[in-house]
Amino acid sequence: MAQPAPPRAVPGPTMPSGPLNQSAPLSLQTQLGAIPLVSPRAMQQASRLRQVTLTQLSPTGQVVGTPHTIECPETGCQRAVSLAVGDKSLPFMADIQFVGRGAYVSVQARAVEIGAVVEFEQGRRGPVFLRGEAEAPIAQTLRYALAPSATLRRLDVADDGKTLGTGNVYTRKRSPDLVVKVEIGPPQEKPN
């Protein structure tokens, strides 16, 4: 007569290595497996990459500094880049998101003295849509105007009562402060 097999233990969720493993205890829901530690989408590796090149140009079209090359997965990516504004090099965050008929590109300031990065022609904040086919390369030059930080503008206000520190005063710039050429290559298989 055969003996019954001993019961097998079901492996529970394991905590990923790193600082989270050392600082935070697992919740009861996570221990029981109701909440996964890593989402299924995050566990998938990108199978294809797109190469994005950001090149800063002067108003006359000359290359300023060195171009930034970014390898992005199929959905998009973010990368900290350094761009020249006037005679200073300032930090920015480039955000590239790929969609079916093109890509959304935004440049966000990470410096205290810049309050907003505004698209030059339309005058609006936020990402700019670059139209293009999903499997084809995309190239476009983006132009931005930079608005100073409101906190720094308040420091420049004179103390006499006849000076208005706020109001609906808008100025229009005649030339962009930042010109960036964005080149997005076609998707290519990720090397193993």
N, C-alpha and C. Protein backbone atom coordinates (compact mmCIF):
# COMPACT_ATOMS: atom_id res chain seq x y z
N MET A 1 0.84 -1.16 0.00
CA MET A 1 0.00 0.00 0.00
C MET A 1 0.89 1.24 0.00
N ALA A 2 0.58 2.22 -0.90
CA ALA A 2 1.40 3.42 -1.03
C ALA A 2 1.02 4.42 0.04
N GLN A 3 2.05 5.09 0.54
CA GLN A 3 1.80 6.10 1.56
C GLN A 3 1.44 7.42 0.88
N PRO A 4 0.53 8.20 1.48
CA PRO A 4 0.17 9.48 0.89
C PRO A 4 1.37 10.45 0.94
N ALA A 5 1.44 11.28 -0.08
CA ALA A 5 2.54 12.25 -0.15
C ALA A 5 2.33 13.31 0.92
N PRO A 6 3.43 13.78 1.50
CA PRO A 6 3.29 14.83 2.51
C PRO A 6 2.78 16.12 1.85
N PRO A 7 2.02 16.93 2.58
CA PRO A 7 1.51 18.18 1.99
C PRO A 7 2.66 19.12 1.65
N ARG A 8 2.52 19.78 0.49
CA ARG A 8 3.57 20.71 0.05
C ARG A 8 3.21 22.12 0.50
N ALA A 9 4.20 22.83 0.91
CA ALA A 9 3.98 24.22 1.32
C ALA A 9 3.85 25.09 0.08
N VAL A 10 2.88 25.98 0.12
CA VAL A 10 2.68 26.91 -0.99
C VAL A 10 3.58 28.11 -0.75
N PRO A 11 4.45 28.43 -1.72
CA PRO A 11 5.35 29.57 -1.50
C PRO A 11 4.55 30.87 -1.48
N GLY A 12 4.82 31.71 -0.53
CA GLY A 12 4.15 33.01 -0.43
C GLY A 12 4.93 34.06 -1.18
N PRO A 13 4.42 35.28 -1.18
CA PRO A 13 5.13 36.35 -1.89
C PRO A 13 6.45 36.64 -1.20
N THR A 14 7.42 36.92 -1.98
CA THR A 14 8.72 37.27 -1.44
C THR A 14 8.95 38.75 -1.60
N MET A 15 9.67 39.32 -0.69
CA MET A 15 9.94 40.76 -0.71
C MET A 15 11.16 41.01 -1.58
N PRO A 16 11.09 42.01 -2.49
CA PRO A 16 12.27 42.29 -3.30
C PRO A 16 13.39 42.82 -2.42
N SER A 17 14.61 42.61 -2.87
CA SER A 17 15.75 43.08 -2.10
C SER A 17 15.87 44.59 -2.26
N GLY A 18 16.43 45.23 -1.30
CA GLY A 18 16.63 46.66 -1.37
C GLY A 18 16.20 47.33 -0.08
N PRO A 19 16.13 48.67 -0.07
CA PRO A 19 15.82 49.39 1.16
C PRO A 19 14.40 49.14 1.66
N LEU A 20 13.45 48.82 0.77
CA LEU A 20 12.09 48.55 1.20
C LEU A 20 12.04 47.29 2.04
N ASN A 21 12.85 46.31 1.71
CA ASN A 21 12.89 45.05 2.44
C ASN A 21 13.37 45.28 3.88
N GLN A 22 14.21 46.26 4.09
CA GLN A 22 14.78 46.48 5.40
C GLN A 22 13.96 47.44 6.25
N SER A 23 13.05 48.22 5.63
CA SER A 23 12.37 49.25 6.40
C SER A 23 10.89 48.99 6.62
N ALA A 24 10.18 48.42 5.68
CA ALA A 24 8.73 48.30 5.80
C ALA A 24 8.32 46.85 5.96
N PRO A 25 7.51 46.56 6.98
CA PRO A 25 7.00 45.19 7.10
C PRO A 25 5.90 44.95 6.07
N LEU A 26 5.70 43.69 5.70
CA LEU A 26 4.66 43.35 4.74
C LEU A 26 3.29 43.44 5.40
N SER A 27 2.32 43.97 4.68
CA SER A 27 0.95 44.01 5.20
C SER A 27 0.37 42.59 5.17
N LEU A 28 -0.73 42.40 5.91
CA LEU A 28 -1.36 41.10 5.96
C LEU A 28 -1.89 40.70 4.58
N GLN A 29 -2.44 41.69 3.81
CA GLN A 29 -2.95 41.40 2.48
C GLN A 29 -1.83 40.94 1.56
N THR A 30 -0.67 41.56 1.68
CA THR A 30 0.47 41.17 0.85
C THR A 30 0.98 39.80 1.25
N GLN A 31 1.03 39.54 2.55
CA GLN A 31 1.49 38.24 3.02
C GLN A 31 0.58 37.12 2.55
N LEU A 32 -0.74 37.39 2.47
CA LEU A 32 -1.68 36.37 2.02
C LEU A 32 -1.77 36.28 0.50
N GLY A 33 -1.13 37.20 -0.20
CA GLY A 33 -1.11 37.13 -1.66
C GLY A 33 -2.22 37.90 -2.34
N ALA A 34 -3.01 38.68 -1.58
CA ALA A 34 -4.10 39.44 -2.18
C ALA A 34 -3.58 40.64 -2.96
N ILE A 35 -2.47 41.19 -2.51
CA ILE A 35 -1.87 42.34 -3.19
C ILE A 35 -0.49 41.93 -3.66
N PRO A 36 -0.26 41.90 -4.96
CA PRO A 36 1.07 41.51 -5.43
C PRO A 36 2.09 42.60 -5.11
N LEU A 37 3.32 42.17 -4.86
CA LEU A 37 4.39 43.13 -4.58
C LEU A 37 4.79 43.91 -5.82
N VAL A 38 4.77 43.26 -6.94
CA VAL A 38 5.13 43.90 -8.20
C VAL A 38 3.99 43.64 -9.17
N SER A 39 3.54 44.69 -9.85
CA SER A 39 2.44 44.52 -10.78
C SER A 39 2.88 43.64 -11.96
N PRO A 40 1.94 42.91 -12.56
CA PRO A 40 2.30 42.06 -13.70
C PRO A 40 2.89 42.86 -14.86
N ARG A 41 2.41 44.09 -15.07
CA ARG A 41 2.94 44.91 -16.16
C ARG A 41 4.37 45.33 -15.90
N ALA A 42 4.68 45.58 -14.62
CA ALA A 42 6.05 45.99 -14.28
C ALA A 42 7.02 44.83 -14.43
N MET A 43 6.52 43.60 -14.32
CA MET A 43 7.40 42.44 -14.44
C MET A 43 7.77 42.16 -15.90
N GLN A 44 6.96 42.64 -16.84
CA GLN A 44 7.26 42.42 -18.25
C GLN A 44 8.42 43.30 -18.66
N GLN A 45 9.32 42.76 -19.40
CA GLN A 45 10.44 43.53 -19.91
C GLN A 45 10.08 44.07 -21.29
N ALA A 46 10.50 45.28 -21.57
CA ALA A 46 10.25 45.86 -22.89
C ALA A 46 10.99 45.04 -23.94
N SER A 47 10.27 44.67 -24.99
CA SER A 47 10.91 43.86 -26.03
C SER A 47 11.52 44.74 -27.12
N ARG A 48 11.03 45.97 -27.24
CA ARG A 48 11.57 46.87 -28.26
C ARG A 48 11.92 48.22 -27.64
N LEU A 49 12.94 48.84 -28.19
CA LEU A 49 13.41 50.14 -27.72
C LEU A 49 13.37 51.15 -28.86
N ARG A 50 13.21 52.41 -28.50
CA ARG A 50 13.32 53.50 -29.47
C ARG A 50 14.42 54.44 -28.99
N GLN A 51 15.25 54.86 -29.92
CA GLN A 51 16.31 55.79 -29.59
C GLN A 51 15.83 57.20 -29.83
N VAL A 52 15.93 58.03 -28.80
CA VAL A 52 15.52 59.43 -28.87
C VAL A 52 16.76 60.29 -28.72
N THR A 53 16.94 61.25 -29.61
CA THR A 53 18.06 62.17 -29.53
C THR A 53 17.52 63.58 -29.37
N LEU A 54 17.95 64.25 -28.29
CA LEU A 54 17.57 65.64 -28.03
C LEU A 54 18.79 66.50 -28.28
N THR A 55 18.68 67.41 -29.23
CA THR A 55 19.79 68.29 -29.60
C THR A 55 19.34 69.73 -29.39
N GLN A 56 20.06 70.46 -28.56
CA GLN A 56 19.73 71.87 -28.36
C GLN A 56 20.35 72.70 -29.48
N LEU A 57 19.55 73.62 -30.02
CA LEU A 57 20.00 74.48 -31.11
C LEU A 57 19.95 75.94 -30.67
N SER A 58 20.82 76.74 -31.25
CA SER A 58 20.77 78.18 -31.03
C SER A 58 19.69 78.76 -31.94
N PRO A 59 19.27 80.01 -31.74
CA PRO A 59 18.26 80.60 -32.63
C PRO A 59 18.69 80.62 -34.10
N THR A 60 20.01 80.57 -34.37
CA THR A 60 20.49 80.55 -35.75
C THR A 60 20.60 79.14 -36.31
N GLY A 61 20.33 78.11 -35.48
CA GLY A 61 20.37 76.74 -35.96
C GLY A 61 21.66 75.99 -35.67
N GLN A 62 22.59 76.59 -34.93
CA GLN A 62 23.84 75.92 -34.57
C GLN A 62 23.61 75.00 -33.36
N VAL A 63 24.32 73.87 -33.33
CA VAL A 63 24.20 72.93 -32.21
C VAL A 63 24.86 73.54 -30.97
N VAL A 64 24.15 73.47 -29.84
CA VAL A 64 24.66 73.97 -28.57
C VAL A 64 24.90 72.78 -27.66
N GLY A 65 26.11 72.61 -27.19
CA GLY A 65 26.43 71.50 -26.30
C GLY A 65 26.46 70.17 -27.02
N THR A 66 26.35 69.10 -26.25
CA THR A 66 26.35 67.76 -26.83
C THR A 66 24.92 67.22 -26.85
N PRO A 67 24.54 66.52 -27.91
CA PRO A 67 23.19 65.94 -27.97
C PRO A 67 23.02 64.86 -26.90
N HIS A 68 21.80 64.73 -26.41
CA HIS A 68 21.46 63.72 -25.41
C HIS A 68 20.78 62.56 -26.12
N THR A 69 21.32 61.35 -25.97
CA THR A 69 20.74 60.15 -26.58
C THR A 69 20.11 59.33 -25.47
N ILE A 70 18.83 58.96 -25.67
CA ILE A 70 18.07 58.24 -24.66
C ILE A 70 17.50 56.98 -25.30
N GLU A 71 17.65 55.84 -24.64
CA GLU A 71 17.02 54.59 -25.07
C GLU A 71 15.71 54.46 -24.30
N CYS A 72 14.58 54.48 -25.01
CA CYS A 72 13.26 54.43 -24.38
C CYS A 72 12.56 53.12 -24.70
N PRO A 73 11.86 52.53 -23.72
CA PRO A 73 11.02 51.38 -24.03
C PRO A 73 9.81 51.81 -24.86
N GLU A 74 8.97 50.86 -25.24
CA GLU A 74 7.85 51.13 -26.14
C GLU A 74 6.84 52.14 -25.61
N THR A 75 6.69 52.24 -24.30
CA THR A 75 5.70 53.16 -23.75
C THR A 75 6.22 54.56 -23.59
N GLY A 76 7.50 54.73 -23.29
CA GLY A 76 8.07 56.05 -23.11
C GLY A 76 9.07 56.06 -21.97
N CYS A 77 9.61 57.25 -21.69
CA CYS A 77 10.62 57.35 -20.64
C CYS A 77 10.78 58.80 -20.21
N GLN A 78 11.52 58.98 -19.12
CA GLN A 78 11.91 60.29 -18.64
C GLN A 78 13.41 60.29 -18.42
N ARG A 79 14.02 61.45 -18.64
CA ARG A 79 15.47 61.54 -18.45
C ARG A 79 15.82 62.96 -18.04
N ALA A 80 16.70 63.09 -17.07
CA ALA A 80 17.22 64.39 -16.69
C ALA A 80 18.27 64.82 -17.69
N VAL A 81 18.13 66.03 -18.21
CA VAL A 81 19.08 66.56 -19.19
C VAL A 81 19.51 67.95 -18.73
N SER A 82 20.65 68.37 -19.20
CA SER A 82 21.16 69.69 -18.90
C SER A 82 21.15 70.50 -20.20
N LEU A 83 20.48 71.67 -20.16
CA LEU A 83 20.38 72.53 -21.34
C LEU A 83 20.90 73.92 -21.00
N ALA A 84 21.46 74.59 -21.99
CA ALA A 84 22.03 75.93 -21.79
C ALA A 84 20.94 76.98 -21.98
N VAL A 85 20.81 77.84 -20.98
CA VAL A 85 19.89 78.98 -21.04
C VAL A 85 20.73 80.21 -20.77
N GLY A 86 20.87 81.06 -21.78
CA GLY A 86 21.77 82.19 -21.65
C GLY A 86 23.20 81.69 -21.53
N ASP A 87 23.86 82.06 -20.45
CA ASP A 87 25.24 81.60 -20.25
C ASP A 87 25.34 80.53 -19.16
N LYS A 88 24.18 80.00 -18.72
CA LYS A 88 24.19 78.98 -17.66
C LYS A 88 23.64 77.66 -18.18
N SER A 89 24.10 76.58 -17.59
CA SER A 89 23.58 75.25 -17.88
C SER A 89 22.61 74.90 -16.74
N LEU A 90 21.34 74.63 -17.11
CA LEU A 90 20.31 74.37 -16.11
C LEU A 90 19.73 72.97 -16.28
N PRO A 91 19.26 72.36 -15.18
CA PRO A 91 18.68 71.01 -15.27
C PRO A 91 17.22 71.05 -15.74
N PHE A 92 16.87 70.11 -16.60
CA PHE A 92 15.51 69.93 -17.09
C PHE A 92 15.17 68.44 -17.05
N MET A 93 13.89 68.13 -17.11
CA MET A 93 13.42 66.75 -17.21
C MET A 93 12.71 66.60 -18.55
N ALA A 94 13.24 65.71 -19.39
CA ALA A 94 12.60 65.42 -20.69
C ALA A 94 11.70 64.21 -20.50
N ASP A 95 10.44 64.35 -20.90
CA ASP A 95 9.45 63.28 -20.76
C ASP A 95 8.94 62.94 -22.15
N ILE A 96 9.12 61.69 -22.57
CA ILE A 96 8.70 61.23 -23.90
C ILE A 96 7.73 60.08 -23.71
N GLN A 97 6.52 60.20 -24.24
CA GLN A 97 5.50 59.15 -24.15
C GLN A 97 5.04 58.80 -25.56
N PHE A 98 5.15 57.53 -25.94
CA PHE A 98 4.77 57.10 -27.27
C PHE A 98 3.31 56.67 -27.30
N VAL A 99 2.61 57.08 -28.35
CA VAL A 99 1.23 56.68 -28.58
C VAL A 99 1.13 56.15 -30.01
N GLY A 100 -0.05 55.69 -30.41
CA GLY A 100 -0.22 55.04 -31.71
C GLY A 100 0.18 55.88 -32.90
N ARG A 101 -0.12 57.15 -32.91
CA ARG A 101 0.15 58.01 -34.08
C ARG A 101 1.20 59.07 -33.82
N GLY A 102 2.13 58.83 -32.89
CA GLY A 102 3.18 59.80 -32.64
C GLY A 102 3.72 59.70 -31.24
N ALA A 103 4.11 60.84 -30.69
CA ALA A 103 4.69 60.89 -29.35
C ALA A 103 4.38 62.24 -28.72
N TYR A 104 4.24 62.22 -27.41
CA TYR A 104 4.12 63.44 -26.62
C TYR A 104 5.46 63.72 -25.98
N VAL A 105 5.95 64.96 -26.13
CA VAL A 105 7.24 65.35 -25.59
C VAL A 105 7.05 66.59 -24.73
N SER A 106 7.56 66.54 -23.51
CA SER A 106 7.53 67.74 -22.67
C SER A 106 8.90 67.94 -22.05
N VAL A 107 9.21 69.20 -21.81
CA VAL A 107 10.45 69.58 -21.15
C VAL A 107 10.04 70.38 -19.93
N GLN A 108 10.44 69.90 -18.75
CA GLN A 108 10.06 70.54 -17.49
C GLN A 108 11.31 71.04 -16.80
N ALA A 109 11.23 72.25 -16.27
CA ALA A 109 12.37 72.85 -15.59
C ALA A 109 12.56 72.24 -14.22
N ARG A 110 13.80 72.06 -13.83
CA ARG A 110 14.15 71.58 -12.49
C ARG A 110 15.00 72.61 -11.76
N ALA A 111 15.05 73.83 -12.27
CA ALA A 111 15.82 74.90 -11.65
C ALA A 111 14.86 75.86 -10.93
N VAL A 112 15.29 76.43 -9.83
CA VAL A 112 14.44 77.31 -9.03
C VAL A 112 14.08 78.58 -9.79
N GLU A 113 14.98 79.08 -10.60
CA GLU A 113 14.73 80.37 -11.26
C GLU A 113 13.76 80.29 -12.43
N ILE A 114 13.37 79.10 -12.86
CA ILE A 114 12.42 78.95 -13.97
C ILE A 114 11.08 78.49 -13.41
N GLY A 115 10.05 79.29 -13.63
CA GLY A 115 8.72 78.96 -13.13
C GLY A 115 7.94 78.08 -14.06
N ALA A 116 8.11 78.27 -15.37
CA ALA A 116 7.33 77.48 -16.33
C ALA A 116 8.07 77.41 -17.66
N VAL A 117 7.86 76.29 -18.35
CA VAL A 117 8.35 76.10 -19.71
C VAL A 117 7.11 76.07 -20.59
N VAL A 118 7.00 77.05 -21.49
CA VAL A 118 5.79 77.24 -22.29
C VAL A 118 6.13 77.05 -23.76
N GLU A 119 5.30 76.32 -24.48
CA GLU A 119 5.50 76.15 -25.93
C GLU A 119 5.40 77.52 -26.59
N PHE A 120 6.35 77.86 -27.45
CA PHE A 120 6.49 79.23 -27.93
C PHE A 120 5.36 79.68 -28.85
N GLU A 121 4.99 78.88 -29.85
CA GLU A 121 3.98 79.32 -30.82
C GLU A 121 2.58 79.39 -30.22
N GLN A 122 2.17 78.35 -29.48
CA GLN A 122 0.81 78.27 -28.96
C GLN A 122 0.68 78.91 -27.58
N GLY A 123 1.78 79.05 -26.87
CA GLY A 123 1.75 79.68 -25.57
C GLY A 123 1.12 78.84 -24.48
N ARG A 124 1.22 77.53 -24.57
CA ARG A 124 0.61 76.69 -23.53
C ARG A 124 1.65 75.76 -22.93
N ARG A 125 1.39 75.41 -21.69
CA ARG A 125 2.27 74.48 -20.97
C ARG A 125 1.90 73.05 -21.34
N GLY A 126 2.74 72.14 -20.90
CA GLY A 126 2.41 70.73 -21.09
C GLY A 126 3.10 70.14 -22.30
N PRO A 127 2.78 68.88 -22.57
CA PRO A 127 3.47 68.18 -23.66
C PRO A 127 3.05 68.68 -25.04
N VAL A 128 3.97 68.51 -25.98
CA VAL A 128 3.73 68.85 -27.38
C VAL A 128 3.59 67.53 -28.13
N PHE A 129 2.58 67.44 -28.99
CA PHE A 129 2.35 66.20 -29.74
C PHE A 129 3.15 66.23 -31.03
N LEU A 130 3.96 65.20 -31.26
CA LEU A 130 4.71 65.04 -32.50
C LEU A 130 4.01 63.96 -33.31
N ARG A 131 3.44 64.33 -34.42
CA ARG A 131 2.69 63.38 -35.25
C ARG A 131 3.65 62.53 -36.08
N GLY A 132 3.35 61.24 -36.15
CA GLY A 132 4.16 60.32 -36.94
C GLY A 132 3.62 58.91 -36.84
N GLU A 133 3.98 58.09 -37.77
CA GLU A 133 3.55 56.69 -37.75
C GLU A 133 4.29 55.92 -36.66
N ALA A 134 3.66 54.87 -36.17
CA ALA A 134 4.21 54.11 -35.04
C ALA A 134 5.55 53.46 -35.38
N GLU A 135 5.75 53.02 -36.60
CA GLU A 135 6.96 52.29 -36.97
C GLU A 135 7.97 53.17 -37.73
N ALA A 136 7.69 54.45 -37.87
CA ALA A 136 8.55 55.33 -38.65
C ALA A 136 9.30 56.30 -37.73
N PRO A 137 10.43 56.81 -38.19
CA PRO A 137 11.14 57.82 -37.40
C PRO A 137 10.37 59.14 -37.39
N ILE A 138 10.55 59.91 -36.32
CA ILE A 138 9.90 61.21 -36.16
C ILE A 138 11.00 62.22 -35.86
N ALA A 139 10.92 63.39 -36.50
CA ALA A 139 11.88 64.47 -36.23
C ALA A 139 11.13 65.79 -36.27
N GLN A 140 11.34 66.60 -35.24
CA GLN A 140 10.69 67.91 -35.19
C GLN A 140 11.49 68.81 -34.26
N THR A 141 11.47 70.11 -34.56
CA THR A 141 12.14 71.09 -33.72
C THR A 141 11.09 71.78 -32.85
N LEU A 142 11.32 71.76 -31.54
CA LEU A 142 10.41 72.39 -30.58
C LEU A 142 11.03 73.67 -30.05
N ARG A 143 10.18 74.68 -29.89
CA ARG A 143 10.64 75.97 -29.40
C ARG A 143 9.87 76.31 -28.13
N TYR A 144 10.61 76.75 -27.10
CA TYR A 144 10.00 77.03 -25.80
C TYR A 144 10.38 78.43 -25.32
N ALA A 145 9.46 79.04 -24.58
CA ALA A 145 9.72 80.27 -23.85
C ALA A 145 9.76 79.91 -22.37
N LEU A 146 10.65 80.53 -21.63
CA LEU A 146 10.80 80.26 -20.21
C LEU A 146 10.26 81.43 -19.41
N ALA A 147 9.42 81.13 -18.42
CA ALA A 147 8.87 82.17 -17.54
C ALA A 147 9.61 82.10 -16.21
N PRO A 148 10.00 83.25 -15.68
CA PRO A 148 10.71 83.22 -14.39
C PRO A 148 9.78 82.78 -13.27
N SER A 149 10.37 82.31 -12.20
CA SER A 149 9.60 81.85 -11.06
C SER A 149 8.88 83.02 -10.40
N ALA A 150 7.65 82.78 -9.98
CA ALA A 150 6.86 83.84 -9.33
C ALA A 150 7.49 84.27 -8.02
N THR A 151 8.11 83.37 -7.29
CA THR A 151 8.72 83.74 -6.02
C THR A 151 9.91 84.67 -6.23
N LEU A 152 10.66 84.45 -7.30
CA LEU A 152 11.79 85.34 -7.58
C LEU A 152 11.31 86.69 -8.08
N ARG A 153 10.18 86.72 -8.82
CA ARG A 153 9.65 88.00 -9.28
C ARG A 153 9.18 88.84 -8.10
N ARG A 154 8.65 88.22 -7.06
CA ARG A 154 8.20 88.98 -5.88
C ARG A 154 9.38 89.62 -5.16
N LEU A 155 10.55 89.02 -5.24
CA LEU A 155 11.73 89.60 -4.60
C LEU A 155 12.19 90.86 -5.31
N ASP A 156 11.85 91.01 -6.61
CA ASP A 156 12.29 92.17 -7.38
C ASP A 156 11.39 93.38 -7.22
N VAL A 157 10.26 93.26 -6.53
CA VAL A 157 9.29 94.35 -6.42
C VAL A 157 9.81 95.40 -5.47
N ALA A 158 9.69 96.68 -5.88
CA ALA A 158 10.10 97.79 -5.03
C ALA A 158 9.13 97.93 -3.86
N ASP A 159 9.56 98.58 -2.81
CA ASP A 159 8.75 98.66 -1.60
C ASP A 159 7.77 99.82 -1.60
N ASP A 160 7.79 100.72 -2.57
CA ASP A 160 6.85 101.84 -2.50
C ASP A 160 5.45 101.39 -2.91
N GLY A 161 4.44 102.07 -2.39
CA GLY A 161 3.05 101.67 -2.58
C GLY A 161 2.52 101.90 -3.97
N LYS A 162 3.21 102.67 -4.80
CA LYS A 162 2.73 102.95 -6.15
C LYS A 162 3.07 101.84 -7.14
N THR A 163 3.88 100.87 -6.72
CA THR A 163 4.28 99.79 -7.62
C THR A 163 3.37 98.60 -7.40
N LEU A 164 2.78 98.11 -8.48
CA LEU A 164 1.94 96.92 -8.40
C LEU A 164 2.81 95.69 -8.59
N GLY A 165 2.71 94.78 -7.65
CA GLY A 165 3.49 93.56 -7.73
C GLY A 165 2.80 92.48 -8.55
N THR A 166 1.49 92.60 -8.69
CA THR A 166 0.74 91.61 -9.45
C THR A 166 -0.20 92.32 -10.40
N GLY A 167 -0.81 91.60 -11.25
CA GLY A 167 -1.76 92.16 -12.20
C GLY A 167 -1.79 91.35 -13.46
N ASN A 168 -2.66 91.71 -14.36
CA ASN A 168 -2.80 91.00 -15.62
C ASN A 168 -1.94 91.65 -16.69
N VAL A 169 -0.67 91.62 -16.49
CA VAL A 169 0.27 92.17 -17.45
C VAL A 169 0.96 91.00 -18.13
N TYR A 170 0.85 90.93 -19.43
CA TYR A 170 1.45 89.84 -20.19
C TYR A 170 2.44 90.43 -21.18
N THR A 171 3.56 89.80 -21.31
CA THR A 171 4.53 90.22 -22.32
C THR A 171 4.70 89.09 -23.32
N ARG A 172 4.98 89.46 -24.55
CA ARG A 172 5.17 88.47 -25.61
C ARG A 172 6.63 88.50 -26.02
N LYS A 173 7.26 87.36 -25.98
CA LYS A 173 8.66 87.28 -26.38
C LYS A 173 8.73 87.21 -27.89
N ARG A 174 9.77 87.80 -28.44
CA ARG A 174 9.95 87.81 -29.90
C ARG A 174 10.73 86.60 -30.40
N SER A 175 11.50 85.98 -29.51
CA SER A 175 12.27 84.79 -29.91
C SER A 175 12.23 83.78 -28.76
N PRO A 176 12.33 82.50 -29.07
CA PRO A 176 12.27 81.49 -28.02
C PRO A 176 13.55 81.49 -27.17
N ASP A 177 13.40 81.06 -25.93
CA ASP A 177 14.54 80.94 -25.03
C ASP A 177 15.26 79.61 -25.20
N LEU A 178 14.53 78.60 -25.70
CA LEU A 178 15.06 77.25 -25.79
C LEU A 178 14.56 76.61 -27.08
N VAL A 179 15.48 76.09 -27.88
CA VAL A 179 15.14 75.39 -29.11
C VAL A 179 15.74 73.99 -29.02
N VAL A 180 14.88 72.97 -29.12
CA VAL A 180 15.32 71.59 -28.98
C VAL A 180 14.83 70.79 -30.18
N LYS A 181 15.77 70.12 -30.86
CA LYS A 181 15.40 69.23 -31.97
C LYS A 181 15.24 67.83 -31.41
N VAL A 182 14.06 67.23 -31.64
CA VAL A 182 13.75 65.89 -31.14
C VAL A 182 13.75 64.94 -32.32
N GLU A 183 14.58 63.89 -32.26
CA GLU A 183 14.64 62.86 -33.29
C GLU A 183 14.35 61.52 -32.62
N ILE A 184 13.29 60.86 -33.07
CA ILE A 184 12.88 59.58 -32.51
C ILE A 184 13.04 58.52 -33.59
N GLY A 185 13.86 57.54 -33.31
CA GLY A 185 14.11 56.47 -34.27
C GLY A 185 12.98 55.44 -34.25
N PRO A 186 12.92 54.59 -35.27
CA PRO A 186 11.89 53.55 -35.30
C PRO A 186 12.16 52.51 -34.20
N PRO A 187 11.13 51.79 -33.78
CA PRO A 187 11.35 50.76 -32.76
C PRO A 187 12.27 49.67 -33.26
N GLN A 188 13.17 49.21 -32.40
CA GLN A 188 14.08 48.12 -32.74
C GLN A 188 14.05 47.11 -31.62
N GLU A 189 14.30 45.86 -31.99
CA GLU A 189 14.30 44.79 -31.00
C GLU A 189 15.40 45.02 -29.98
N LYS A 190 15.08 44.75 -28.72
CA LYS A 190 16.04 44.93 -27.64
C LYS A 190 17.11 43.85 -27.72
N PRO A 191 18.40 44.25 -27.67
CA PRO A 191 19.46 43.23 -27.71
C PRO A 191 19.44 42.43 -26.42
N ASN A 192 19.70 41.14 -26.54
CA ASN A 192 19.70 40.28 -25.34
C ASN A 192 21.04 40.23 -24.70
